[in-house]
Amino acid sequence: MSFKRARSDQHVQERIQEIISAAAEIYDSVGYEGLSFSSISELTKFTRPTIYKYFNTKEEILLKILLSDMQEWILSLVNSFKINKLYSINEITDIWVNAISGNFRLLKLFSMLFTSIETNASLEVLVEFKKGFFKLQEQAMELMAQLFPNAEKSDIYRFLVNQLALALGLYPMCHLTDIQRKAYEISGITNMTPDFKDIYRANIYQLLYCLEQGIHIPD
């Protein structure tokens, strides 16, 4: 009986992963508005009622995608640093900026996390996401503690909060949609779209300088 149950559990996980993979592909292609259980059904072998067995809303699927993207981001950061090597602030800044700049889907999903995604997920799914999120945050804390052994834990936490808030605030300003660009054009207003990496890098450097110098990062 245990062998059959294990096979059944594996089959369920394979179905869930297929749904998640299809949703990620659709999201990357047509965005949040174009993602639906109908579009997932068209791309997979599953009917909409079958998808509803595993997820109540598309936002619950997006939470899975976001957590996976965050895990890849943390892993890329950890793998970018060599053990027992001293890094300058400039080197750490470049590694940090390049890692997050290559994960624009992560930033896009995070920008909707508190306004759209979390508000349309069940409590059970949201609790699972929060647990996974803070587990990954602890890994980021450990990495920063190794890079800045003299920094206070509270300041490392503030760095992580500030860098994410900065990235989420900058991303939509630096990546306009076609209709937003058209609105600038019709309005006769010069489109002064800032460069994400330049502004993000300058601010990350300042935050990392605070960690290195033991300067308190304000709440």
N, C-alpha and C. Protein backbone atom coordinates (compact mmCIF):
# COMPACT_ATOMS: atom_id res chain seq x y z
N MET A 1 0.83 -1.20 0.00
CA MET A 1 0.00 0.00 0.00
C MET A 1 0.87 1.26 0.00
N SER A 2 1.97 1.23 0.76
CA SER A 2 2.81 2.41 0.83
C SER A 2 3.45 2.72 -0.52
N PHE A 3 3.77 1.67 -1.28
CA PHE A 3 4.39 1.86 -2.58
C PHE A 3 3.41 2.54 -3.53
N LYS A 4 2.14 2.12 -3.52
CA LYS A 4 1.12 2.73 -4.38
C LYS A 4 0.88 4.18 -3.98
N ARG A 5 0.88 4.46 -2.68
CA ARG A 5 0.65 5.81 -2.22
C ARG A 5 1.79 6.72 -2.66
N ALA A 6 3.02 6.24 -2.61
CA ALA A 6 4.16 7.03 -3.05
C ALA A 6 4.05 7.35 -4.53
N ARG A 7 3.64 6.36 -5.34
CA ARG A 7 3.48 6.60 -6.77
C ARG A 7 2.39 7.62 -7.01
N SER A 8 1.31 7.55 -6.25
CA SER A 8 0.21 8.48 -6.39
C SER A 8 0.65 9.90 -6.03
N ASP A 9 1.41 10.04 -4.94
CA ASP A 9 1.92 11.34 -4.53
C ASP A 9 2.84 11.92 -5.60
N GLN A 10 3.66 11.06 -6.17
CA GLN A 10 4.56 11.51 -7.23
C GLN A 10 3.77 11.99 -8.44
N HIS A 11 2.72 11.27 -8.76
CA HIS A 11 1.88 11.64 -9.90
C HIS A 11 1.21 12.99 -9.66
N VAL A 12 0.76 13.23 -8.45
CA VAL A 12 0.13 14.51 -8.11
C VAL A 12 1.14 15.64 -8.26
N GLN A 13 2.37 15.44 -7.75
CA GLN A 13 3.39 16.47 -7.85
C GLN A 13 3.77 16.75 -9.30
N GLU A 14 3.78 15.71 -10.11
CA GLU A 14 4.08 15.91 -11.53
C GLU A 14 2.99 16.73 -12.20
N ARG A 15 1.74 16.49 -11.84
CA ARG A 15 0.64 17.29 -12.38
C ARG A 15 0.76 18.75 -11.96
N ILE A 16 1.04 18.95 -10.68
CA ILE A 16 1.16 20.31 -10.17
C ILE A 16 2.30 21.04 -10.87
N GLN A 17 3.42 20.38 -11.05
CA GLN A 17 4.56 21.01 -11.70
C GLN A 17 4.26 21.33 -13.15
N GLU A 18 3.51 20.47 -13.82
CA GLU A 18 3.15 20.74 -15.22
C GLU A 18 2.26 21.97 -15.31
N ILE A 19 1.35 22.11 -14.37
CA ILE A 19 0.48 23.29 -14.33
C ILE A 19 1.30 24.55 -14.07
N ILE A 20 2.22 24.47 -13.12
CA ILE A 20 3.06 25.62 -12.79
C ILE A 20 3.93 26.02 -13.98
N SER A 21 4.52 25.03 -14.64
CA SER A 21 5.38 25.31 -15.79
C SER A 21 4.60 25.97 -16.92
N ALA A 22 3.39 25.47 -17.16
CA ALA A 22 2.54 26.06 -18.20
C ALA A 22 2.15 27.48 -17.84
N ALA A 23 1.82 27.71 -16.57
CA ALA A 23 1.45 29.05 -16.11
C ALA A 23 2.61 30.02 -16.28
N ALA A 24 3.83 29.57 -15.96
CA ALA A 24 5.01 30.43 -16.10
C ALA A 24 5.23 30.79 -17.56
N GLU A 25 5.04 29.84 -18.44
CA GLU A 25 5.21 30.09 -19.88
C GLU A 25 4.18 31.10 -20.38
N ILE A 26 2.95 30.94 -19.94
CA ILE A 26 1.88 31.86 -20.35
C ILE A 26 2.13 33.25 -19.79
N TYR A 27 2.52 33.32 -18.52
CA TYR A 27 2.79 34.61 -17.88
C TYR A 27 3.91 35.34 -18.60
N ASP A 28 4.97 34.63 -18.94
CA ASP A 28 6.09 35.24 -19.64
C ASP A 28 5.68 35.76 -21.01
N SER A 29 4.70 35.12 -21.61
CA SER A 29 4.26 35.47 -22.96
C SER A 29 3.24 36.60 -22.99
N VAL A 30 2.20 36.49 -22.14
CA VAL A 30 1.09 37.45 -22.22
C VAL A 30 0.82 38.18 -20.91
N GLY A 31 1.60 37.91 -19.88
CA GLY A 31 1.47 38.66 -18.65
C GLY A 31 0.35 38.20 -17.74
N TYR A 32 0.16 38.97 -16.68
CA TYR A 32 -0.81 38.64 -15.63
C TYR A 32 -2.23 38.56 -16.17
N GLU A 33 -2.61 39.53 -17.00
CA GLU A 33 -3.98 39.58 -17.50
C GLU A 33 -4.30 38.39 -18.40
N GLY A 34 -3.30 37.92 -19.14
CA GLY A 34 -3.55 36.82 -20.08
C GLY A 34 -3.52 35.44 -19.45
N LEU A 35 -3.05 35.37 -18.19
CA LEU A 35 -2.99 34.08 -17.51
C LEU A 35 -4.34 33.72 -16.92
N SER A 36 -4.82 32.54 -17.22
CA SER A 36 -6.10 32.06 -16.70
C SER A 36 -6.08 30.54 -16.68
N PHE A 37 -7.04 29.95 -15.98
CA PHE A 37 -7.13 28.50 -15.98
C PHE A 37 -7.47 27.99 -17.37
N SER A 38 -8.20 28.77 -18.14
CA SER A 38 -8.52 28.38 -19.52
C SER A 38 -7.27 28.31 -20.38
N SER A 39 -6.40 29.32 -20.25
CA SER A 39 -5.17 29.33 -21.04
C SER A 39 -4.23 28.21 -20.60
N ILE A 40 -4.22 27.91 -19.30
CA ILE A 40 -3.41 26.79 -18.81
C ILE A 40 -3.95 25.48 -19.36
N SER A 41 -5.27 25.35 -19.38
CA SER A 41 -5.90 24.13 -19.90
C SER A 41 -5.56 23.91 -21.36
N GLU A 42 -5.51 24.99 -22.13
CA GLU A 42 -5.19 24.89 -23.55
C GLU A 42 -3.76 24.44 -23.79
N LEU A 43 -2.88 24.78 -22.86
CA LEU A 43 -1.47 24.45 -23.02
C LEU A 43 -1.11 23.09 -22.43
N THR A 44 -1.99 22.55 -21.61
CA THR A 44 -1.74 21.26 -20.96
C THR A 44 -2.83 20.27 -21.33
N LYS A 45 -2.76 19.10 -20.74
CA LYS A 45 -3.78 18.06 -20.96
C LYS A 45 -4.87 18.11 -19.92
N PHE A 46 -4.84 19.13 -19.06
CA PHE A 46 -5.77 19.19 -17.93
C PHE A 46 -6.96 20.09 -18.24
N THR A 47 -8.12 19.66 -17.78
CA THR A 47 -9.31 20.49 -17.89
C THR A 47 -9.30 21.52 -16.77
N ARG A 48 -10.15 22.53 -16.88
CA ARG A 48 -10.23 23.53 -15.82
C ARG A 48 -10.64 22.91 -14.48
N PRO A 49 -11.63 21.99 -14.43
CA PRO A 49 -11.97 21.35 -13.15
C PRO A 49 -10.79 20.61 -12.53
N THR A 50 -9.93 20.02 -13.38
CA THR A 50 -8.76 19.31 -12.87
C THR A 50 -7.78 20.30 -12.23
N ILE A 51 -7.58 21.44 -12.87
CA ILE A 51 -6.68 22.46 -12.33
C ILE A 51 -7.20 22.97 -10.99
N TYR A 52 -8.53 23.09 -10.88
CA TYR A 52 -9.14 23.57 -9.63
C TYR A 52 -8.93 22.58 -8.48
N LYS A 53 -8.59 21.35 -8.78
CA LYS A 53 -8.31 20.39 -7.72
C LYS A 53 -7.03 20.76 -6.96
N TYR A 54 -6.15 21.49 -7.63
CA TYR A 54 -4.85 21.80 -7.04
C TYR A 54 -4.68 23.28 -6.68
N PHE A 55 -5.40 24.16 -7.39
CA PHE A 55 -5.28 25.58 -7.14
C PHE A 55 -6.66 26.23 -7.21
N ASN A 56 -6.89 27.17 -6.30
CA ASN A 56 -8.17 27.89 -6.31
C ASN A 56 -8.17 29.08 -7.25
N THR A 57 -7.00 29.71 -7.40
CA THR A 57 -6.88 30.89 -8.24
C THR A 57 -5.54 30.86 -8.97
N LYS A 58 -5.44 31.69 -10.00
CA LYS A 58 -4.17 31.79 -10.71
C LYS A 58 -3.10 32.42 -9.81
N GLU A 59 -3.52 33.23 -8.87
CA GLU A 59 -2.57 33.86 -7.95
C GLU A 59 -1.85 32.83 -7.09
N GLU A 60 -2.54 31.74 -6.75
CA GLU A 60 -1.88 30.69 -5.97
C GLU A 60 -0.77 30.03 -6.78
N ILE A 61 -0.96 29.94 -8.08
CA ILE A 61 0.09 29.40 -8.95
C ILE A 61 1.25 30.39 -9.03
N LEU A 62 0.91 31.66 -9.13
CA LEU A 62 1.95 32.69 -9.21
C LEU A 62 2.82 32.74 -7.94
N LEU A 63 2.23 32.42 -6.80
CA LEU A 63 3.02 32.35 -5.56
C LEU A 63 4.06 31.24 -5.66
N LYS A 64 3.70 30.13 -6.27
CA LYS A 64 4.65 29.04 -6.48
C LYS A 64 5.79 29.48 -7.41
N ILE A 65 5.42 30.18 -8.48
CA ILE A 65 6.41 30.65 -9.43
C ILE A 65 7.34 31.67 -8.77
N LEU A 66 6.77 32.58 -7.99
CA LEU A 66 7.57 33.60 -7.31
C LEU A 66 8.55 32.97 -6.34
N LEU A 67 8.10 31.99 -5.59
CA LEU A 67 8.98 31.34 -4.62
C LEU A 67 10.12 30.61 -5.33
N SER A 68 9.80 29.99 -6.45
CA SER A 68 10.83 29.30 -7.23
C SER A 68 11.84 30.28 -7.81
N ASP A 69 11.35 31.42 -8.30
CA ASP A 69 12.25 32.44 -8.85
C ASP A 69 13.14 33.01 -7.76
N MET A 70 12.58 33.20 -6.58
CA MET A 70 13.37 33.72 -5.47
C MET A 70 14.45 32.73 -5.07
N GLN A 71 14.10 31.45 -5.07
CA GLN A 71 15.07 30.41 -4.74
C GLN A 71 16.23 30.42 -5.74
N GLU A 72 15.92 30.58 -7.02
CA GLU A 72 16.96 30.65 -8.05
C GLU A 72 17.84 31.88 -7.86
N TRP A 73 17.21 33.00 -7.47
CA TRP A 73 17.97 34.23 -7.25
C TRP A 73 18.94 34.07 -6.08
N ILE A 74 18.47 33.54 -4.95
CA ILE A 74 19.34 33.33 -3.79
C ILE A 74 20.46 32.37 -4.14
N LEU A 75 20.14 31.30 -4.87
CA LEU A 75 21.16 30.31 -5.25
C LEU A 75 22.21 30.94 -6.15
N SER A 76 21.78 31.79 -7.07
CA SER A 76 22.74 32.45 -7.96
C SER A 76 23.67 33.37 -7.18
N LEU A 77 23.13 34.02 -6.15
CA LEU A 77 23.96 34.88 -5.30
C LEU A 77 25.00 34.06 -4.54
N VAL A 78 24.52 33.01 -3.90
CA VAL A 78 25.42 32.17 -3.10
C VAL A 78 26.54 31.59 -3.98
N ASN A 79 26.19 31.13 -5.16
CA ASN A 79 27.17 30.52 -6.05
C ASN A 79 28.13 31.52 -6.67
N SER A 80 27.79 32.80 -6.58
CA SER A 80 28.64 33.84 -7.17
C SER A 80 29.82 34.22 -6.28
N PHE A 81 29.74 33.81 -5.00
CA PHE A 81 30.80 34.15 -4.06
C PHE A 81 31.62 32.92 -3.71
N LYS A 82 32.94 33.08 -3.70
CA LYS A 82 33.84 31.99 -3.35
C LYS A 82 34.19 32.05 -1.86
N ILE A 83 34.28 30.87 -1.28
CA ILE A 83 34.59 30.77 0.15
C ILE A 83 36.00 31.30 0.42
N ASN A 84 36.14 32.01 1.54
CA ASN A 84 37.43 32.52 2.01
C ASN A 84 38.05 33.58 1.08
N LYS A 85 37.25 34.19 0.23
CA LYS A 85 37.75 35.28 -0.60
C LYS A 85 37.16 36.59 -0.11
N LEU A 86 38.03 37.61 -0.02
CA LEU A 86 37.57 38.92 0.40
C LEU A 86 37.09 39.71 -0.81
N TYR A 87 35.92 40.29 -0.69
CA TYR A 87 35.34 41.06 -1.79
C TYR A 87 35.23 42.53 -1.41
N SER A 88 35.50 43.39 -2.38
CA SER A 88 35.32 44.81 -2.17
C SER A 88 33.83 45.13 -2.27
N ILE A 89 33.46 46.33 -1.81
CA ILE A 89 32.05 46.74 -1.90
C ILE A 89 31.63 46.83 -3.36
N ASN A 90 32.53 47.30 -4.22
CA ASN A 90 32.21 47.39 -5.64
C ASN A 90 31.91 46.02 -6.23
N GLU A 91 32.72 45.02 -5.86
CA GLU A 91 32.51 43.66 -6.37
C GLU A 91 31.18 43.08 -5.89
N ILE A 92 30.90 43.26 -4.61
CA ILE A 92 29.65 42.75 -4.05
C ILE A 92 28.46 43.45 -4.70
N THR A 93 28.59 44.75 -4.89
CA THR A 93 27.51 45.52 -5.52
C THR A 93 27.24 45.01 -6.92
N ASP A 94 28.29 44.80 -7.71
CA ASP A 94 28.11 44.33 -9.09
C ASP A 94 27.45 42.96 -9.12
N ILE A 95 27.89 42.05 -8.25
CA ILE A 95 27.31 40.71 -8.20
C ILE A 95 25.83 40.78 -7.82
N TRP A 96 25.52 41.61 -6.83
CA TRP A 96 24.14 41.74 -6.36
C TRP A 96 23.24 42.31 -7.45
N VAL A 97 23.70 43.37 -8.09
CA VAL A 97 22.90 44.04 -9.12
C VAL A 97 22.70 43.12 -10.32
N ASN A 98 23.74 42.44 -10.74
CA ASN A 98 23.62 41.55 -11.89
C ASN A 98 22.68 40.38 -11.61
N ALA A 99 22.70 39.90 -10.38
CA ALA A 99 21.84 38.76 -10.03
C ALA A 99 20.37 39.14 -10.09
N ILE A 100 20.02 40.29 -9.55
CA ILE A 100 18.61 40.66 -9.53
C ILE A 100 18.17 41.23 -10.87
N SER A 101 19.09 41.82 -11.62
CA SER A 101 18.74 42.36 -12.93
C SER A 101 18.39 41.25 -13.93
N GLY A 102 18.88 40.06 -13.67
CA GLY A 102 18.56 38.94 -14.55
C GLY A 102 17.29 38.21 -14.16
N ASN A 103 16.56 38.74 -13.19
CA ASN A 103 15.34 38.09 -12.70
C ASN A 103 14.16 39.08 -12.73
N PHE A 104 13.86 39.58 -13.93
CA PHE A 104 12.80 40.58 -14.04
C PHE A 104 11.42 40.00 -13.74
N ARG A 105 11.22 38.71 -14.01
CA ARG A 105 9.93 38.12 -13.64
C ARG A 105 9.75 38.14 -12.13
N LEU A 106 10.82 37.91 -11.41
CA LEU A 106 10.78 37.99 -9.96
C LEU A 106 10.33 39.38 -9.51
N LEU A 107 10.88 40.41 -10.12
CA LEU A 107 10.53 41.77 -9.74
C LEU A 107 9.09 42.11 -10.14
N LYS A 108 8.67 41.64 -11.31
CA LYS A 108 7.31 41.91 -11.75
C LYS A 108 6.30 41.26 -10.82
N LEU A 109 6.55 40.03 -10.42
CA LEU A 109 5.63 39.34 -9.52
C LEU A 109 5.65 39.97 -8.13
N PHE A 110 6.84 40.33 -7.66
CA PHE A 110 6.94 40.96 -6.35
C PHE A 110 6.19 42.29 -6.31
N SER A 111 6.21 43.01 -7.44
CA SER A 111 5.54 44.31 -7.49
C SER A 111 4.03 44.18 -7.33
N MET A 112 3.50 42.98 -7.59
CA MET A 112 2.06 42.74 -7.43
C MET A 112 1.73 41.91 -6.20
N LEU A 113 2.75 41.52 -5.45
CA LEU A 113 2.56 40.54 -4.38
C LEU A 113 1.52 40.98 -3.35
N PHE A 114 1.66 42.18 -2.83
CA PHE A 114 0.80 42.62 -1.73
C PHE A 114 -0.53 43.20 -2.19
N THR A 115 -0.61 43.61 -3.45
CA THR A 115 -1.83 44.25 -3.93
C THR A 115 -2.77 43.31 -4.67
N SER A 116 -2.22 42.34 -5.39
CA SER A 116 -3.06 41.46 -6.21
C SER A 116 -2.91 39.98 -5.87
N ILE A 117 -1.67 39.54 -5.76
CA ILE A 117 -1.44 38.10 -5.65
C ILE A 117 -1.86 37.56 -4.29
N GLU A 118 -1.32 38.15 -3.21
CA GLU A 118 -1.64 37.63 -1.87
C GLU A 118 -3.11 37.78 -1.52
N THR A 119 -3.74 38.81 -2.03
CA THR A 119 -5.15 39.06 -1.68
C THR A 119 -6.09 38.09 -2.37
N ASN A 120 -5.59 37.32 -3.32
CA ASN A 120 -6.44 36.36 -4.04
C ASN A 120 -5.97 34.92 -3.86
N ALA A 121 -5.32 34.68 -2.74
CA ALA A 121 -4.87 33.33 -2.41
C ALA A 121 -5.51 32.90 -1.10
N SER A 122 -5.68 31.60 -0.94
CA SER A 122 -6.26 31.08 0.30
C SER A 122 -5.26 31.22 1.45
N LEU A 123 -5.76 31.21 2.67
CA LEU A 123 -4.90 31.34 3.84
C LEU A 123 -3.87 30.23 3.89
N GLU A 124 -4.29 29.01 3.59
CA GLU A 124 -3.38 27.87 3.65
C GLU A 124 -2.21 28.04 2.68
N VAL A 125 -2.51 28.44 1.45
CA VAL A 125 -1.47 28.63 0.44
C VAL A 125 -0.57 29.80 0.81
N LEU A 126 -1.17 30.85 1.36
CA LEU A 126 -0.39 32.03 1.73
C LEU A 126 0.56 31.73 2.89
N VAL A 127 0.11 30.94 3.84
CA VAL A 127 0.98 30.55 4.96
C VAL A 127 2.16 29.73 4.45
N GLU A 128 1.90 28.83 3.53
CA GLU A 128 2.97 28.01 2.94
C GLU A 128 3.98 28.90 2.22
N PHE A 129 3.48 29.90 1.49
CA PHE A 129 4.37 30.82 0.79
C PHE A 129 5.21 31.62 1.78
N LYS A 130 4.59 32.13 2.84
CA LYS A 130 5.32 32.93 3.82
C LYS A 130 6.44 32.12 4.46
N LYS A 131 6.16 30.88 4.79
CA LYS A 131 7.18 30.03 5.40
C LYS A 131 8.36 29.84 4.45
N GLY A 132 8.05 29.57 3.18
CA GLY A 132 9.11 29.40 2.19
C GLY A 132 9.88 30.67 1.95
N PHE A 133 9.18 31.80 1.93
CA PHE A 133 9.81 33.10 1.71
C PHE A 133 10.81 33.41 2.82
N PHE A 134 10.40 33.25 4.07
CA PHE A 134 11.29 33.61 5.17
C PHE A 134 12.42 32.61 5.35
N LYS A 135 12.24 31.40 4.89
CA LYS A 135 13.34 30.44 4.89
C LYS A 135 14.42 30.88 3.90
N LEU A 136 13.99 31.35 2.73
CA LEU A 136 14.95 31.85 1.75
C LEU A 136 15.59 33.15 2.23
N GLN A 137 14.83 33.96 2.93
CA GLN A 137 15.38 35.20 3.48
C GLN A 137 16.49 34.90 4.49
N GLU A 138 16.32 33.84 5.26
CA GLU A 138 17.34 33.44 6.22
C GLU A 138 18.63 33.05 5.49
N GLN A 139 18.52 32.42 4.33
CA GLN A 139 19.70 32.07 3.55
C GLN A 139 20.42 33.33 3.08
N ALA A 140 19.64 34.33 2.68
CA ALA A 140 20.24 35.60 2.26
C ALA A 140 20.90 36.29 3.45
N MET A 141 20.29 36.19 4.62
CA MET A 141 20.87 36.77 5.83
C MET A 141 22.21 36.11 6.14
N GLU A 142 22.28 34.80 6.02
CA GLU A 142 23.51 34.07 6.30
C GLU A 142 24.61 34.47 5.33
N LEU A 143 24.26 34.64 4.06
CA LEU A 143 25.24 35.05 3.06
C LEU A 143 25.80 36.43 3.40
N MET A 144 24.92 37.37 3.72
CA MET A 144 25.37 38.73 4.03
C MET A 144 26.19 38.77 5.32
N ALA A 145 25.86 37.91 6.27
CA ALA A 145 26.62 37.84 7.51
C ALA A 145 28.04 37.35 7.25
N GLN A 146 28.21 36.48 6.28
CA GLN A 146 29.54 36.00 5.91
C GLN A 146 30.33 37.10 5.20
N LEU A 147 29.65 37.87 4.36
CA LEU A 147 30.32 38.93 3.62
C LEU A 147 30.63 40.13 4.51
N PHE A 148 29.78 40.36 5.51
CA PHE A 148 29.96 41.50 6.42
C PHE A 148 29.87 40.99 7.86
N PRO A 149 30.92 40.31 8.33
CA PRO A 149 30.89 39.69 9.66
C PRO A 149 30.73 40.67 10.82
N ASN A 150 31.06 41.93 10.60
CA ASN A 150 30.96 42.91 11.68
C ASN A 150 29.63 43.66 11.68
N ALA A 151 28.79 43.38 10.72
CA ALA A 151 27.51 44.08 10.63
C ALA A 151 26.50 43.50 11.61
N GLU A 152 25.66 44.35 12.15
CA GLU A 152 24.60 43.90 13.04
C GLU A 152 23.55 43.13 12.24
N LYS A 153 22.99 42.11 12.86
CA LYS A 153 21.96 41.32 12.19
C LYS A 153 20.77 42.17 11.80
N SER A 154 20.42 43.12 12.65
CA SER A 154 19.29 43.99 12.36
C SER A 154 19.55 44.86 11.13
N ASP A 155 20.80 45.28 10.95
CA ASP A 155 21.13 46.09 9.79
C ASP A 155 21.16 45.26 8.51
N ILE A 156 21.58 44.01 8.62
CA ILE A 156 21.54 43.12 7.46
C ILE A 156 20.09 42.92 7.01
N TYR A 157 19.21 42.75 8.00
CA TYR A 157 17.79 42.60 7.68
C TYR A 157 17.26 43.86 7.00
N ARG A 158 17.65 45.02 7.52
CA ARG A 158 17.19 46.28 6.93
C ARG A 158 17.74 46.44 5.51
N PHE A 159 18.96 45.98 5.29
CA PHE A 159 19.51 46.02 3.94
C PHE A 159 18.64 45.22 2.98
N LEU A 160 18.27 44.01 3.37
CA LEU A 160 17.46 43.15 2.51
C LEU A 160 16.10 43.77 2.22
N VAL A 161 15.51 44.37 3.24
CA VAL A 161 14.22 45.03 3.05
C VAL A 161 14.35 46.23 2.12
N ASN A 162 15.36 47.04 2.36
CA ASN A 162 15.56 48.25 1.56
C ASN A 162 15.90 47.95 0.11
N GLN A 163 16.76 46.96 -0.12
CA GLN A 163 17.15 46.67 -1.49
C GLN A 163 15.97 46.14 -2.30
N LEU A 164 15.09 45.37 -1.63
CA LEU A 164 13.93 44.85 -2.34
C LEU A 164 12.91 45.95 -2.61
N ALA A 165 12.70 46.80 -1.62
CA ALA A 165 11.77 47.93 -1.80
C ALA A 165 12.26 48.85 -2.92
N LEU A 166 13.56 49.06 -2.96
CA LEU A 166 14.15 49.90 -4.01
C LEU A 166 13.94 49.26 -5.38
N ALA A 167 14.20 47.96 -5.49
CA ALA A 167 14.05 47.28 -6.77
C ALA A 167 12.61 47.31 -7.25
N LEU A 168 11.68 47.08 -6.33
CA LEU A 168 10.26 47.04 -6.70
C LEU A 168 9.75 48.42 -7.08
N GLY A 169 10.28 49.45 -6.44
CA GLY A 169 9.86 50.80 -6.79
C GLY A 169 10.43 51.25 -8.13
N LEU A 170 11.66 50.85 -8.40
CA LEU A 170 12.31 51.25 -9.64
C LEU A 170 11.81 50.48 -10.86
N TYR A 171 11.52 49.21 -10.67
CA TYR A 171 11.22 48.36 -11.83
C TYR A 171 10.11 48.91 -12.72
N PRO A 172 8.91 49.21 -12.18
CA PRO A 172 7.85 49.71 -13.06
C PRO A 172 8.16 51.07 -13.68
N MET A 173 8.98 51.88 -13.01
CA MET A 173 9.36 53.17 -13.56
C MET A 173 10.31 53.02 -14.74
N CYS A 174 11.12 51.97 -14.71
CA CYS A 174 12.17 51.77 -15.72
C CYS A 174 11.73 50.86 -16.86
N HIS A 175 10.57 50.21 -16.72
CA HIS A 175 10.10 49.28 -17.75
C HIS A 175 8.66 49.61 -18.10
N LEU A 176 8.51 50.61 -18.95
CA LEU A 176 7.19 51.07 -19.33
C LEU A 176 6.56 50.16 -20.38
N THR A 177 5.24 50.11 -20.37
CA THR A 177 4.52 49.36 -21.39
C THR A 177 4.39 50.22 -22.65
N ASP A 178 3.96 49.61 -23.72
CA ASP A 178 3.79 50.34 -24.99
C ASP A 178 2.78 51.48 -24.83
N ILE A 179 1.70 51.22 -24.10
CA ILE A 179 0.68 52.25 -23.95
C ILE A 179 1.18 53.40 -23.09
N GLN A 180 2.04 53.11 -22.11
CA GLN A 180 2.63 54.17 -21.29
C GLN A 180 3.56 55.04 -22.13
N ARG A 181 4.36 54.42 -22.97
CA ARG A 181 5.24 55.19 -23.86
C ARG A 181 4.43 56.04 -24.83
N LYS A 182 3.34 55.47 -25.34
CA LYS A 182 2.48 56.20 -26.27
C LYS A 182 1.85 57.40 -25.59
N ALA A 183 1.48 57.24 -24.32
CA ALA A 183 0.88 58.34 -23.57
C ALA A 183 1.87 59.50 -23.44
N TYR A 184 3.14 59.19 -23.19
CA TYR A 184 4.16 60.24 -23.14
C TYR A 184 4.24 60.96 -24.49
N GLU A 185 4.24 60.17 -25.55
CA GLU A 185 4.38 60.74 -26.89
C GLU A 185 3.22 61.67 -27.23
N ILE A 186 1.99 61.22 -26.99
CA ILE A 186 0.81 62.02 -27.31
C ILE A 186 0.74 63.26 -26.43
N SER A 187 1.16 63.12 -25.17
CA SER A 187 1.11 64.25 -24.24
C SER A 187 2.17 65.30 -24.52
N GLY A 188 3.14 64.94 -25.35
CA GLY A 188 4.21 65.88 -25.66
C GLY A 188 5.23 66.00 -24.54
N ILE A 189 5.23 65.01 -23.66
CA ILE A 189 6.16 65.02 -22.52
C ILE A 189 7.35 64.14 -22.85
N THR A 190 8.54 64.66 -22.60
CA THR A 190 9.75 63.88 -22.84
C THR A 190 9.80 62.69 -21.90
N ASN A 191 9.97 61.52 -22.45
CA ASN A 191 10.02 60.30 -21.64
C ASN A 191 11.41 60.16 -21.04
N MET A 192 11.52 60.47 -19.75
CA MET A 192 12.80 60.39 -19.05
C MET A 192 12.86 59.09 -18.24
N THR A 193 12.77 57.96 -18.92
CA THR A 193 12.79 56.67 -18.24
C THR A 193 14.16 56.42 -17.63
N PRO A 194 14.24 56.26 -16.31
CA PRO A 194 15.55 56.04 -15.66
C PRO A 194 16.12 54.67 -15.99
N ASP A 195 17.41 54.53 -15.83
CA ASP A 195 18.09 53.25 -16.05
C ASP A 195 18.09 52.46 -14.75
N PHE A 196 17.49 51.28 -14.77
CA PHE A 196 17.33 50.49 -13.55
C PHE A 196 18.66 50.16 -12.90
N LYS A 197 19.60 49.63 -13.67
CA LYS A 197 20.85 49.15 -13.10
C LYS A 197 21.67 50.30 -12.51
N ASP A 198 21.68 51.44 -13.19
CA ASP A 198 22.48 52.57 -12.71
C ASP A 198 21.98 53.07 -11.35
N ILE A 199 20.66 53.30 -11.25
CA ILE A 199 20.11 53.84 -10.00
C ILE A 199 20.16 52.79 -8.90
N TYR A 200 19.82 51.56 -9.24
CA TYR A 200 19.83 50.48 -8.25
C TYR A 200 21.25 50.28 -7.71
N ARG A 201 22.22 50.29 -8.61
CA ARG A 201 23.60 50.06 -8.19
C ARG A 201 24.09 51.15 -7.24
N ALA A 202 23.80 52.39 -7.55
CA ALA A 202 24.25 53.50 -6.71
C ALA A 202 23.69 53.38 -5.30
N ASN A 203 22.44 53.00 -5.18
CA ASN A 203 21.81 52.89 -3.87
C ASN A 203 22.28 51.65 -3.12
N ILE A 204 22.47 50.54 -3.83
CA ILE A 204 22.96 49.31 -3.20
C ILE A 204 24.37 49.55 -2.65
N TYR A 205 25.19 50.27 -3.40
CA TYR A 205 26.54 50.57 -2.93
C TYR A 205 26.50 51.33 -1.61
N GLN A 206 25.63 52.30 -1.52
CA GLN A 206 25.52 53.09 -0.28
C GLN A 206 25.08 52.23 0.90
N LEU A 207 24.13 51.33 0.66
CA LEU A 207 23.66 50.45 1.73
C LEU A 207 24.76 49.49 2.18
N LEU A 208 25.50 48.95 1.21
CA LEU A 208 26.58 48.03 1.54
C LEU A 208 27.71 48.75 2.26
N TYR A 209 27.95 50.00 1.90
CA TYR A 209 28.95 50.81 2.59
C TYR A 209 28.58 50.96 4.06
N CYS A 210 27.30 51.14 4.32
CA CYS A 210 26.84 51.24 5.71
C CYS A 210 27.13 49.94 6.48
N LEU A 211 26.88 48.81 5.82
CA LEU A 211 27.15 47.53 6.47
C LEU A 211 28.63 47.37 6.78
N GLU A 212 29.47 47.74 5.84
CA GLU A 212 30.92 47.57 6.01
C GLU A 212 31.46 48.48 7.11
N GLN A 213 30.92 49.70 7.17
CA GLN A 213 31.42 50.69 8.13
C GLN A 213 30.72 50.64 9.47
N GLY A 214 29.74 49.76 9.60
CA GLY A 214 29.01 49.66 10.85
C GLY A 214 28.08 50.82 11.07
N ILE A 215 27.64 51.45 9.99
CA ILE A 215 26.72 52.56 10.09
C ILE A 215 25.28 52.01 10.14
N HIS A 216 24.53 52.44 11.10
CA HIS A 216 23.17 51.95 11.28
C HIS A 216 22.29 52.31 10.09
N ILE A 217 21.59 51.34 9.54
CA ILE A 217 20.64 51.58 8.46
C ILE A 217 19.29 51.85 9.11
N PRO A 218 18.73 53.04 8.91
CA PRO A 218 17.47 53.39 9.58
C PRO A 218 16.31 52.54 9.10
N ASP A 219 15.29 52.38 9.95
CA ASP A 219 14.09 51.64 9.60
C ASP A 219 13.33 52.37 8.49
